[in-house]
Amino acid sequence: MLQNMKQTFTPAPAILQRAQVGTQMEKGKIANIVVAVLVGWLAIVSQYIVILPVIMIQVIQAVAQNGPEAKVNVNMTDPSLMPLMLGSFIMPIISLLLYVKFTEKRNVRSMGFVKEKAVPDYLLGMVIAFVMFSACVGICLATGAMTFDGYVLNGQYGMLALLFAGFLVQGMGEEVVCRGFLLTSVGSKSGALIGTLVNSLLFGALHLGNSGVTFFSVANIVLFGVLMSLVVLKTNSIWMAGAIHSVWNFVQGNFYGILVSGNDAGPSVFRCTSVGGMEWLNGGSFGMEGGAATTLVQIVVIAVILFMKPRKAD
């Protein structure tokens, strides 16, 4: 496996070579690691351009109803606001596409937005995510760490559709920040291994403020970042990783009814309940991503990916 890992990172994968060549040809400038991480953070923060108007409307309504001394309780974890929160990830996508084009002066192909096999990659990624998360649930059900409570949707099909669309944006948004930008930018300058470590650690850091967070849950999130990085490096494309990320989150929260990184994702098709005393396996209040079931599944998938041959450069 170590030999396969070495071959994954050296020589530079085609997607990183694409970023290097594009920048050199157009005389762009790839930032150092510190600046790249800062740009990534700012891209994530840009989603508040969409969210802040909603907060302001809530404040104005509260003041109008109760006067200037009104106490406003803005709850951005309210499940009814989930579609907006998820859709706001369109801003990191737009901001980084513009940054890469005008500052690093490379095209979107160098971020993994390629036409070749885009649709089959995306569809396969959706299937992989469903199988992966179902395997996590299966482990917990088989060991008694989780109970299956049955169908609970009760006709909320419209909201479910909105959440699915929202997760398609959110998953791709985080992939653009961490893999499409950080992996390719840092990796093209400092190597694939450093690019993978930097983007995965930032990805883990993005979840530090989530409800129920533990060291184990953050470690699992970082491991997921490594997995997604390997997918991008092997396929030279962001489509499969974006699909895996999006559907993983949707299936977790809105199919099986499990907390998504500590957050209630709203209505779900089914409901699964974590059993107390088995948090080490089921993740407890953080959700499945905080438990060993997810760790095991991710390690197996990473091992499989490492043995795959990288896609040939275009």
C-alpha atoms as a PDB file:
ATOM      1  CA  MET A   1       0.000   0.000   0.000  1.00  0.00           C
ATOM      2  CA  LEU A   2       2.880   2.371   0.747  1.00  0.00           C
ATOM      3  CA  GLN A   3       4.164   1.880  -2.783  1.00  0.00           C
ATOM      4  CA  ASN A   4       0.712   2.684  -4.201  1.00  0.00           C
ATOM      5  CA  MET A   5       0.535   5.777  -2.005  1.00  0.00           C
ATOM      6  CA  LYS A   6       3.901   6.945  -3.251  1.00  0.00           C
ATOM      7  CA  GLN A   7       2.794   6.467  -6.859  1.00  0.00           C
ATOM      8  CA  THR A   8      -0.323   8.528  -6.141  1.00  0.00           C
ATOM      9  CA  PHE A   9       1.678  11.575  -5.077  1.00  0.00           C
ATOM     10  CA  THR A  10       4.794  11.302  -7.268  1.00  0.00           C
ATOM     11  CA  PRO A  11       5.316  12.321  -9.953  1.00  0.00           C
ATOM     12  CA  ALA A  12       2.855  15.214  -9.799  1.00  0.00           C
ATOM     13  CA  PRO A  13      -0.683  14.063 -10.732  1.00  0.00           C
ATOM     14  CA  ALA A  14      -2.023  15.372 -14.021  1.00  0.00           C
ATOM     15  CA  ILE A  15      -4.431  17.852 -12.406  1.00  0.00           C
ATOM     16  CA  LEU A  16      -1.536  19.536 -10.570  1.00  0.00           C
ATOM     17  CA  GLN A  17       0.604  19.622 -13.707  1.00  0.00           C
ATOM     18  CA  ARG A  18      -2.341  21.267 -15.448  1.00  0.00           C
ATOM     19  CA  ALA A  19      -2.416  23.978 -12.766  1.00  0.00           C
ATOM     20  CA  GLN A  20       1.354  24.559 -13.020  1.00  0.00           C
ATOM     21  CA  VAL A  21       1.359  24.845 -16.803  1.00  0.00           C
ATOM     22  CA  GLY A  22      -1.716  27.088 -16.930  1.00  0.00           C
ATOM     23  CA  THR A  23      -0.272  29.542 -14.408  1.00  0.00           C
ATOM     24  CA  GLN A  24       3.162  29.641 -16.046  1.00  0.00           C
ATOM     25  CA  MET A  25       1.718  30.207 -19.519  1.00  0.00           C
ATOM     26  CA  GLU A  26      -0.458  33.111 -18.386  1.00  0.00           C
ATOM     27  CA  LYS A  27       2.172  34.528 -15.972  1.00  0.00           C
ATOM     28  CA  GLY A  28      -0.137  34.155 -13.005  1.00  0.00           C
ATOM     29  CA  LYS A  29       0.953  33.772  -9.409  1.00  0.00           C
ATOM     30  CA  ILE A  30       0.150  30.872  -7.098  1.00  0.00           C
ATOM     31  CA  ALA A  31       0.060  31.994  -3.476  1.00  0.00           C
ATOM     32  CA  ASN A  32       2.102  30.450  -0.686  1.00  0.00           C
ATOM     33  CA  ILE A  33       0.401  28.089   1.768  1.00  0.00           C
ATOM     34  CA  VAL A  34      -0.551  30.757   4.322  1.00  0.00           C
ATOM     35  CA  VAL A  35      -2.150  33.026   1.737  1.00  0.00           C
ATOM     36  CA  ALA A  36      -3.892  30.089   0.056  1.00  0.00           C
ATOM     37  CA  VAL A  37      -5.455  28.991   3.361  1.00  0.00           C
ATOM     38  CA  LEU A  38      -6.539  32.579   4.059  1.00  0.00           C
ATOM     39  CA  VAL A  39      -8.141  32.811   0.619  1.00  0.00           C
ATOM     40  CA  GLY A  40      -9.934  29.533   1.274  1.00  0.00           C
ATOM     41  CA  TRP A  41     -11.282  30.816   4.609  1.00  0.00           C
ATOM     42  CA  LEU A  42     -12.451  34.058   2.994  1.00  0.00           C
ATOM     43  CA  ALA A  43     -14.210  32.064   0.290  1.00  0.00           C
ATOM     44  CA  ILE A  44     -16.130  30.148   2.965  1.00  0.00           C
ATOM     45  CA  VAL A  45     -17.007  33.415   4.720  1.00  0.00           C
ATOM     46  CA  SER A  46     -18.358  34.803   1.432  1.00  0.00           C
ATOM     47  CA  GLN A  47     -21.470  32.645   1.864  1.00  0.00           C
ATOM     48  CA  TYR A  48     -22.641  35.197   4.438  1.00  0.00           C
ATOM     49  CA  ILE A  49     -23.301  37.588   1.566  1.00  0.00           C
ATOM     50  CA  VAL A  50     -26.371  35.423   1.026  1.00  0.00           C
ATOM     51  CA  ILE A  51     -27.128  34.700   4.704  1.00  0.00           C
ATOM     52  CA  LEU A  52     -26.782  38.206   6.197  1.00  0.00           C
ATOM     53  CA  PRO A  53     -29.845  39.669   4.412  1.00  0.00           C
ATOM     54  CA  VAL A  54     -31.971  36.951   6.056  1.00  0.00           C
ATOM     55  CA  ILE A  55     -30.562  37.865   9.475  1.00  0.00           C
ATOM     56  CA  MET A  56     -31.261  41.543   8.800  1.00  0.00           C
ATOM     57  CA  ILE A  57     -34.857  40.766   7.827  1.00  0.00           C
ATOM     58  CA  GLN A  58     -35.340  38.851  11.089  1.00  0.00           C
ATOM     59  CA  VAL A  59     -33.918  41.784  13.047  1.00  0.00           C
ATOM     60  CA  ILE A  60     -36.143  44.325  11.256  1.00  0.00           C
ATOM     61  CA  GLN A  61     -39.245  42.204  11.809  1.00  0.00           C
ATOM     62  CA  ALA A  62     -38.472  41.794  15.518  1.00  0.00           C
ATOM     63  CA  VAL A  63     -37.925  45.548  15.954  1.00  0.00           C
ATOM     64  CA  ALA A  64     -41.093  46.366  14.020  1.00  0.00           C
ATOM     65  CA  GLN A  65     -43.148  44.063  16.239  1.00  0.00           C
ATOM     66  CA  ASN A  66     -41.567  44.723  19.630  1.00  0.00           C
ATOM     67  CA  GLY A  67     -39.810  48.071  19.377  1.00  0.00           C
ATOM     68  CA  PRO A  68     -36.129  49.090  19.300  1.00  0.00           C
ATOM     69  CA  GLU A  69     -35.353  47.178  22.514  1.00  0.00           C
ATOM     70  CA  ALA A  70     -36.555  43.866  21.087  1.00  0.00           C
ATOM     71  CA  LYS A  71     -34.404  40.821  21.715  1.00  0.00           C
ATOM     72  CA  VAL A  72     -33.676  39.022  18.480  1.00  0.00           C
ATOM     73  CA  ASN A  73     -32.884  35.320  18.595  1.00  0.00           C
ATOM     74  CA  VAL A  74     -31.403  34.413  15.222  1.00  0.00           C
ATOM     75  CA  ASN A  75     -31.175  30.632  15.000  1.00  0.00           C
ATOM     76  CA  MET A  76     -29.198  29.737  11.890  1.00  0.00           C
ATOM     77  CA  THR A  77     -29.435  26.037  12.795  1.00  0.00           C
ATOM     78  CA  ASP A  78     -33.214  26.132  12.298  1.00  0.00           C
ATOM     79  CA  PRO A  79     -33.983  23.253   9.873  1.00  0.00           C
ATOM     80  CA  SER A  80     -36.342  25.530   7.906  1.00  0.00           C
ATOM     81  CA  LEU A  81     -33.327  27.677   6.996  1.00  0.00           C
ATOM     82  CA  MET A  82     -31.285  24.709   5.809  1.00  0.00           C
ATOM     83  CA  PRO A  83     -32.008  25.156   2.062  1.00  0.00           C
ATOM     84  CA  LEU A  84     -30.768  28.763   2.273  1.00  0.00           C
ATOM     85  CA  MET A  85     -27.702  27.812   4.301  1.00  0.00           C
ATOM     86  CA  LEU A  86     -26.828  25.079   1.849  1.00  0.00           C
ATOM     87  CA  GLY A  87     -27.510  27.201  -1.227  1.00  0.00           C
ATOM     88  CA  SER A  88     -25.266  29.971   0.110  1.00  0.00           C
ATOM     89  CA  PHE A  89     -22.279  27.782  -0.760  1.00  0.00           C
ATOM     90  CA  ILE A  90     -22.672  29.042  -4.310  1.00  0.00           C
ATOM     91  CA  MET A  91     -20.678  32.081  -3.168  1.00  0.00           C
ATOM     92  CA  PRO A  92     -17.425  30.201  -2.361  1.00  0.00           C
ATOM     93  CA  ILE A  93     -17.688  28.546  -5.775  1.00  0.00           C
ATOM     94  CA  ILE A  94     -18.099  31.855  -7.597  1.00  0.00           C
ATOM     95  CA  SER A  95     -15.463  33.695  -5.564  1.00  0.00           C
ATOM     96  CA  LEU A  96     -12.778  31.043  -6.079  1.00  0.00           C
ATOM     97  CA  LEU A  97     -13.505  30.638  -9.775  1.00  0.00           C
ATOM     98  CA  LEU A  98     -12.916  34.374 -10.112  1.00  0.00           C
ATOM     99  CA  TYR A  99      -9.807  34.321  -7.884  1.00  0.00           C
ATOM    100  CA  VAL A 100      -8.215  31.492  -9.824  1.00  0.00           C
ATOM    101  CA  LYS A 101      -9.027  33.064 -13.171  1.00  0.00           C
ATOM    102  CA  PHE A 102      -7.783  36.584 -12.425  1.00  0.00           C
ATOM    103  CA  THR A 103      -5.055  36.049  -9.809  1.00  0.00           C
ATOM    104  CA  GLU A 104      -3.538  32.650 -10.499  1.00  0.00           C
ATOM    105  CA  LYS A 105      -4.602  32.995 -14.137  1.00  0.00           C
ATOM    106  CA  ARG A 106      -5.466  29.389 -14.776  1.00  0.00           C
ATOM    107  CA  ASN A 107      -8.644  27.901 -16.210  1.00  0.00           C
ATOM    108  CA  VAL A 108     -11.371  25.910 -14.507  1.00  0.00           C
ATOM    109  CA  ARG A 109      -9.998  22.641 -15.900  1.00  0.00           C
ATOM    110  CA  SER A 110      -7.072  23.023 -13.518  1.00  0.00           C
ATOM    111  CA  MET A 111      -9.612  23.005 -10.661  1.00  0.00           C
ATOM    112  CA  GLY A 112     -11.090  19.747 -11.892  1.00  0.00           C
ATOM    113  CA  PHE A 113     -14.001  21.127 -13.899  1.00  0.00           C
ATOM    114  CA  VAL A 114     -13.442  18.967 -16.960  1.00  0.00           C
ATOM    115  CA  LYS A 115     -15.967  17.833 -19.565  1.00  0.00           C
ATOM    116  CA  GLU A 116     -14.515  14.354 -19.992  1.00  0.00           C
ATOM    117  CA  LYS A 117     -16.585  11.764 -18.085  1.00  0.00           C
ATOM    118  CA  ALA A 118     -18.223  14.507 -16.013  1.00  0.00           C
ATOM    119  CA  VAL A 119     -21.693  12.932 -16.025  1.00  0.00           C
ATOM    120  CA  PRO A 120     -20.636   9.293 -15.437  1.00  0.00           C
ATOM    121  CA  ASP A 121     -18.184  10.427 -12.748  1.00  0.00           C
ATOM    122  CA  TYR A 122     -20.900  12.391 -10.981  1.00  0.00           C
ATOM    123  CA  LEU A 123     -23.433   9.568 -11.140  1.00  0.00           C
ATOM    124  CA  LEU A 124     -20.867   7.025  -9.948  1.00  0.00           C
ATOM    125  CA  GLY A 125     -19.939   9.347  -7.097  1.00  0.00           C
ATOM    126  CA  MET A 126     -23.580   9.484  -6.005  1.00  0.00           C
ATOM    127  CA  VAL A 127     -23.753   5.688  -5.913  1.00  0.00           C
ATOM    128  CA  ILE A 128     -20.441   5.420  -4.030  1.00  0.00           C
ATOM    129  CA  ALA A 129     -21.656   7.865  -1.373  1.00  0.00           C
ATOM    130  CA  PHE A 130     -24.907   5.963  -0.851  1.00  0.00           C
ATOM    131  CA  VAL A 131     -23.096   2.639  -0.542  1.00  0.00           C
ATOM    132  CA  MET A 132     -20.450   4.076   1.797  1.00  0.00           C
ATOM    133  CA  PHE A 133     -22.888   5.649   4.208  1.00  0.00           C
ATOM    134  CA  SER A 134     -25.232   2.674   4.084  1.00  0.00           C
ATOM    135  CA  ALA A 135     -22.261   0.515   5.080  1.00  0.00           C
ATOM    136  CA  CYS A 136     -21.701   2.765   8.123  1.00  0.00           C
ATOM    137  CA  VAL A 137     -25.359   2.442   9.097  1.00  0.00           C
ATOM    138  CA  GLY A 138     -25.220  -1.316   8.516  1.00  0.00           C
ATOM    139  CA  ILE A 139     -22.266  -1.671  10.902  1.00  0.00           C
ATOM    140  CA  CYS A 140     -24.110   0.252  13.622  1.00  0.00           C
ATOM    141  CA  LEU A 141     -27.370  -1.647  13.147  1.00  0.00           C
ATOM    142  CA  ALA A 142     -25.578  -5.015  13.149  1.00  0.00           C
ATOM    143  CA  THR A 143     -23.723  -4.207  16.373  1.00  0.00           C
ATOM    144  CA  GLY A 144     -26.704  -2.700  18.178  1.00  0.00           C
ATOM    145  CA  ALA A 145     -25.169   0.787  18.192  1.00  0.00           C
ATOM    146  CA  MET A 146     -28.179   2.148  16.324  1.00  0.00           C
ATOM    147  CA  THR A 147     -31.871   1.369  15.924  1.00  0.00           C
ATOM    148  CA  PHE A 148     -33.948   1.701  12.757  1.00  0.00           C
ATOM    149  CA  ASP A 149     -37.201   3.544  13.512  1.00  0.00           C
ATOM    150  CA  GLY A 150     -38.838   3.283  10.093  1.00  0.00           C
ATOM    151  CA  TYR A 151     -40.427   5.710   7.628  1.00  0.00           C
ATOM    152  CA  VAL A 152     -40.964   9.236   8.976  1.00  0.00           C
ATOM    153  CA  LEU A 153     -41.181  11.595   5.968  1.00  0.00           C
ATOM    154  CA  ASN A 154     -44.935  12.299   6.204  1.00  0.00           C
ATOM    155  CA  GLY A 155     -45.334  13.999   2.832  1.00  0.00           C
ATOM    156  CA  GLN A 156     -42.594  16.654   3.111  1.00  0.00           C
ATOM    157  CA  TYR A 157     -41.500  15.977  -0.450  1.00  0.00           C
ATOM    158  CA  GLY A 158     -41.045  19.614  -1.471  1.00  0.00           C
ATOM    159  CA  MET A 159     -38.665  20.371   1.403  1.00  0.00           C
ATOM    160  CA  LEU A 160     -36.798  17.131   0.730  1.00  0.00           C
ATOM    161  CA  ALA A 161     -36.280  18.175  -2.899  1.00  0.00           C
ATOM    162  CA  LEU A 162     -35.026  21.611  -1.807  1.00  0.00           C
ATOM    163  CA  LEU A 163     -32.597  20.026   0.629  1.00  0.00           C
ATOM    164  CA  PHE A 164     -31.304  17.649  -2.024  1.00  0.00           C
ATOM    165  CA  ALA A 165     -30.655  20.574  -4.377  1.00  0.00           C
ATOM    166  CA  GLY A 166     -29.061  22.491  -1.516  1.00  0.00           C
ATOM    167  CA  PHE A 167     -26.705  19.665  -0.639  1.00  0.00           C
ATOM    168  CA  LEU A 168     -25.635  19.425  -4.295  1.00  0.00           C
ATOM    169  CA  VAL A 169     -24.475  23.045  -4.005  1.00  0.00           C
ATOM    170  CA  GLN A 170     -23.024  22.712  -0.489  1.00  0.00           C
ATOM    171  CA  GLY A 171     -21.024  19.567  -1.194  1.00  0.00           C
ATOM    172  CA  MET A 172     -19.552  20.989  -4.371  1.00  0.00           C
ATOM    173  CA  GLY A 173     -18.885  24.305  -2.625  1.00  0.00           C
ATOM    174  CA  GLU A 174     -16.723  22.683   0.040  1.00  0.00           C
ATOM    175  CA  GLU A 175     -15.006  20.560  -2.597  1.00  0.00           C
ATOM    176  CA  VAL A 176     -14.168  23.654  -4.662  1.00  0.00           C
ATOM    177  CA  VAL A 177     -12.644  25.347  -1.607  1.00  0.00           C
ATOM    178  CA  CYS A 178     -10.663  22.380  -0.305  1.00  0.00           C
ATOM    179  CA  ARG A 179      -9.902  20.251  -3.352  1.00  0.00           C
ATOM    180  CA  GLY A 180     -10.604  22.400  -6.415  1.00  0.00           C
ATOM    181  CA  PHE A 181      -8.650  25.328  -4.995  1.00  0.00           C
ATOM    182  CA  LEU A 182      -6.415  24.405  -2.043  1.00  0.00           C
ATOM    183  CA  LEU A 183      -5.347  20.979  -3.282  1.00  0.00           C
ATOM    184  CA  THR A 184      -4.501  22.247  -6.761  1.00  0.00           C
ATOM    185  CA  SER A 185      -3.011  25.583  -5.707  1.00  0.00           C
ATOM    186  CA  VAL A 186      -0.876  24.353  -2.802  1.00  0.00           C
ATOM    187  CA  GLY A 187      -0.217  21.005  -4.489  1.00  0.00           C
ATOM    188  CA  SER A 188       1.033  22.500  -7.725  1.00  0.00           C
ATOM    189  CA  LYS A 189       3.596  24.533  -5.793  1.00  0.00           C
ATOM    190  CA  SER A 190       4.481  22.309  -2.823  1.00  0.00           C
ATOM    191  CA  GLY A 191       3.565  18.830  -4.020  1.00  0.00           C
ATOM    192  CA  ALA A 192       0.494  16.605  -3.913  1.00  0.00           C
ATOM    193  CA  LEU A 193       1.162  15.291  -0.404  1.00  0.00           C
ATOM    194  CA  ILE A 194       1.412  18.787   1.134  1.00  0.00           C
ATOM    195  CA  GLY A 195      -1.624  19.906  -0.853  1.00  0.00           C
ATOM    196  CA  THR A 196      -3.600  16.945   0.494  1.00  0.00           C
ATOM    197  CA  LEU A 197      -2.558  17.553   4.101  1.00  0.00           C
ATOM    198  CA  VAL A 198      -3.228  21.306   3.999  1.00  0.00           C
ATOM    199  CA  ASN A 199      -6.685  21.074   2.445  1.00  0.00           C
ATOM    200  CA  SER A 200      -7.727  18.148   4.656  1.00  0.00           C
ATOM    201  CA  LEU A 201      -6.653  19.927   7.845  1.00  0.00           C
ATOM    202  CA  LEU A 202      -8.521  23.070   6.823  1.00  0.00           C
ATOM    203  CA  PHE A 203     -11.544  20.926   6.030  1.00  0.00           C
ATOM    204  CA  GLY A 204     -11.392  19.510   9.545  1.00  0.00           C
ATOM    205  CA  ALA A 205     -10.972  22.987  11.035  1.00  0.00           C
ATOM    206  CA  LEU A 206     -14.137  24.164   9.288  1.00  0.00           C
ATOM    207  CA  HIS A 207     -16.106  21.775  11.530  1.00  0.00           C
ATOM    208  CA  LEU A 208     -14.552  22.720  14.885  1.00  0.00           C
ATOM    209  CA  GLY A 209     -17.523  24.873  15.864  1.00  0.00           C
ATOM    210  CA  ASN A 210     -20.158  22.224  15.145  1.00  0.00           C
ATOM    211  CA  SER A 211     -22.385  20.861  17.885  1.00  0.00           C
ATOM    212  CA  GLY A 212     -21.119  17.681  19.567  1.00  0.00           C
ATOM    213  CA  VAL A 213     -17.640  18.001  18.046  1.00  0.00           C
ATOM    214  CA  THR A 214     -14.898  15.752  19.443  1.00  0.00           C
ATOM    215  CA  PHE A 215     -11.296  15.003  18.555  1.00  0.00           C
ATOM    216  CA  PHE A 216     -12.458  11.748  16.963  1.00  0.00           C
ATOM    217  CA  SER A 217     -15.091  13.504  14.832  1.00  0.00           C
ATOM    218  CA  VAL A 218     -12.588  16.071  13.533  1.00  0.00           C
ATOM    219  CA  ALA A 219     -10.121  13.252  12.776  1.00  0.00           C
ATOM    220  CA  ASN A 220     -12.839  11.552  10.719  1.00  0.00           C
ATOM    221  CA  ILE A 221     -13.551  14.787   8.848  1.00  0.00           C
ATOM    222  CA  VAL A 222      -9.836  15.174   8.077  1.00  0.00           C
ATOM    223  CA  LEU A 223      -9.783  11.552   6.876  1.00  0.00           C
ATOM    224  CA  PHE A 224     -12.735  12.319   4.608  1.00  0.00           C
ATOM    225  CA  GLY A 225     -10.704  15.211   3.192  1.00  0.00           C
ATOM    226  CA  VAL A 226      -7.847  12.811   2.423  1.00  0.00           C
ATOM    227  CA  LEU A 227     -10.302  10.442   0.736  1.00  0.00           C
ATOM    228  CA  MET A 228     -11.743  13.217  -1.445  1.00  0.00           C
ATOM    229  CA  SER A 229      -8.245  14.433  -2.312  1.00  0.00           C
ATOM    230  CA  LEU A 230      -7.318  10.951  -3.525  1.00  0.00           C
ATOM    231  CA  VAL A 231     -10.472  10.810  -5.645  1.00  0.00           C
ATOM    232  CA  VAL A 232      -9.561  14.124  -7.297  1.00  0.00           C
ATOM    233  CA  LEU A 233      -5.925  13.131  -7.826  1.00  0.00           C
ATOM    234  CA  LYS A 234      -6.863   9.763  -9.311  1.00  0.00           C
ATOM    235  CA  THR A 235      -9.594  11.078 -11.638  1.00  0.00           C
ATOM    236  CA  ASN A 236      -8.047  14.500 -12.435  1.00  0.00           C
ATOM    237  CA  SER A 237     -11.574  15.797 -11.954  1.00  0.00           C
ATOM    238  CA  ILE A 238     -13.703  17.316  -9.203  1.00  0.00           C
ATOM    239  CA  TRP A 239     -17.028  15.847 -10.324  1.00  0.00           C
ATOM    240  CA  MET A 240     -16.885  12.510  -8.523  1.00  0.00           C
ATOM    241  CA  ALA A 241     -15.650  14.073  -5.280  1.00  0.00           C
ATOM    242  CA  GLY A 242     -18.382  16.725  -5.431  1.00  0.00           C
ATOM    243  CA  ALA A 243     -21.049  14.052  -5.892  1.00  0.00           C
ATOM    244  CA  ILE A 244     -19.713  11.847  -3.091  1.00  0.00           C
ATOM    245  CA  HIS A 245     -19.600  14.790  -0.674  1.00  0.00           C
ATOM    246  CA  SER A 246     -23.085  16.050  -1.544  1.00  0.00           C
ATOM    247  CA  VAL A 247     -24.876  12.709  -1.470  1.00  0.00           C
ATOM    248  CA  TRP A 248     -22.985  11.552   1.641  1.00  0.00           C
ATOM    249  CA  ASN A 249     -24.431  14.547   3.518  1.00  0.00           C
ATOM    250  CA  PHE A 250     -27.927  14.201   2.045  1.00  0.00           C
ATOM    251  CA  VAL A 251     -28.205  10.462   2.674  1.00  0.00           C
ATOM    252  CA  GLN A 252     -26.906  10.951   6.193  1.00  0.00           C
ATOM    253  CA  GLY A 253     -29.375  13.626   7.221  1.00  0.00           C
ATOM    254  CA  ASN A 254     -32.363  13.335   4.902  1.00  0.00           C
ATOM    255  CA  PHE A 255     -32.485   9.644   4.072  1.00  0.00           C
ATOM    256  CA  TYR A 256     -31.403   7.953   7.307  1.00  0.00           C
ATOM    257  CA  GLY A 257     -32.294  10.859   9.599  1.00  0.00           C
ATOM    258  CA  ILE A 258     -28.928  11.121  11.337  1.00  0.00           C
ATOM    259  CA  LEU A 259     -27.282  14.368  12.448  1.00  0.00           C
ATOM    260  CA  VAL A 260     -24.969  15.838   9.786  1.00  0.00           C
ATOM    261  CA  SER A 261     -21.772  16.928  11.551  1.00  0.00           C
ATOM    262  CA  GLY A 262     -23.830  17.809  14.621  1.00  0.00           C
ATOM    263  CA  ASN A 263     -26.621  19.568  12.681  1.00  0.00           C
ATOM    264  CA  ASP A 264     -30.261  18.612  12.225  1.00  0.00           C
ATOM    265  CA  ALA A 265     -30.782  18.535   8.446  1.00  0.00           C
ATOM    266  CA  GLY A 266     -34.591  18.653   8.614  1.00  0.00           C
ATOM    267  CA  PRO A 267     -37.088  16.101   7.277  1.00  0.00           C
ATOM    268  CA  SER A 268     -35.849  12.635   6.395  1.00  0.00           C
ATOM    269  CA  VAL A 269     -37.225   9.555   4.675  1.00  0.00           C
ATOM    270  CA  PHE A 270     -36.285   7.219   7.530  1.00  0.00           C
ATOM    271  CA  ARG A 271     -35.108   7.713  11.085  1.00  0.00           C
ATOM    272  CA  CYS A 272     -32.213   5.968  12.807  1.00  0.00           C
ATOM    273  CA  THR A 273     -31.443   6.545  16.477  1.00  0.00           C
ATOM    274  CA  SER A 274     -28.038   6.214  18.095  1.00  0.00           C
ATOM    275  CA  VAL A 275     -27.890   3.972  21.160  1.00  0.00           C
ATOM    276  CA  GLY A 276     -26.343   5.447  24.289  1.00  0.00           C
ATOM    277  CA  GLY A 277     -23.071   3.979  25.457  1.00  0.00           C
ATOM    278  CA  MET A 278     -22.036   3.210  21.863  1.00  0.00           C
ATOM    279  CA  GLU A 279     -20.953   6.733  20.909  1.00  0.00           C
ATOM    280  CA  TRP A 280     -17.479   5.484  20.019  1.00  0.00           C
ATOM    281  CA  LEU A 281     -19.085   3.596  17.134  1.00  0.00           C
ATOM    282  CA  ASN A 282     -22.162   5.633  16.170  1.00  0.00           C
ATOM    283  CA  GLY A 283     -20.716   9.119  16.755  1.00  0.00           C
ATOM    284  CA  GLY A 284     -23.245  10.218  19.383  1.00  0.00           C
ATOM    285  CA  SER A 285     -24.400  13.848  19.212  1.00  0.00           C
ATOM    286  CA  PHE A 286     -22.099  14.680  16.299  1.00  0.00           C
ATOM    287  CA  GLY A 287     -23.695  12.052  14.086  1.00  0.00           C
ATOM    288  CA  MET A 288     -22.233   9.082  12.264  1.00  0.00           C
ATOM    289  CA  GLU A 289     -19.132  11.018  11.208  1.00  0.00           C
ATOM    290  CA  GLY A 290     -17.971  11.048  14.826  1.00  0.00           C
ATOM    291  CA  GLY A 291     -17.771   7.266  15.207  1.00  0.00           C
ATOM    292  CA  ALA A 292     -15.508   4.343  14.386  1.00  0.00           C
ATOM    293  CA  ALA A 293     -17.979   2.890  11.865  1.00  0.00           C
ATOM    294  CA  THR A 294     -17.214   5.822   9.565  1.00  0.00           C
ATOM    295  CA  THR A 295     -13.482   5.500  10.238  1.00  0.00           C
ATOM    296  CA  LEU A 296     -13.511   1.841   9.195  1.00  0.00           C
ATOM    297  CA  VAL A 297     -15.487   2.452   5.999  1.00  0.00           C
ATOM    298  CA  GLN A 298     -13.275   5.378   4.999  1.00  0.00           C
ATOM    299  CA  ILE A 299     -10.063   3.406   5.546  1.00  0.00           C
ATOM    300  CA  VAL A 300     -11.381   0.561   3.370  1.00  0.00           C
ATOM    301  CA  VAL A 301     -12.366   2.973   0.577  1.00  0.00           C
ATOM    302  CA  ILE A 302      -9.018   4.797   0.782  1.00  0.00           C
ATOM    303  CA  ALA A 303      -7.201   1.463   0.455  1.00  0.00           C
ATOM    304  CA  VAL A 304      -9.262   0.618  -2.643  1.00  0.00           C
ATOM    305  CA  ILE A 305      -8.584   4.029  -4.215  1.00  0.00           C
ATOM    306  CA  LEU A 306      -4.840   3.735  -3.599  1.00  0.00           C
ATOM    307  CA  PHE A 307      -4.762   0.531  -5.628  1.00  0.00           C
ATOM    308  CA  MET A 308      -6.558   2.166  -8.558  1.00  0.00           C
ATOM    309  CA  LYS A 309      -4.537   3.399 -11.501  1.00  0.00           C
ATOM    310  CA  PRO A 310      -4.728   7.176 -11.994  1.00  0.00           C
ATOM    311  CA  ARG A 311      -6.605   8.366 -15.028  1.00  0.00           C
ATOM    312  CA  LYS A 312      -4.359   9.295 -17.935  1.00  0.00           C
ATOM    313  CA  ALA A 313      -3.643  12.964 -18.514  1.00  0.00           C
ATOM    314  CA  ASP A 314      -5.610  14.664 -21.293  1.00  0.00           C
END
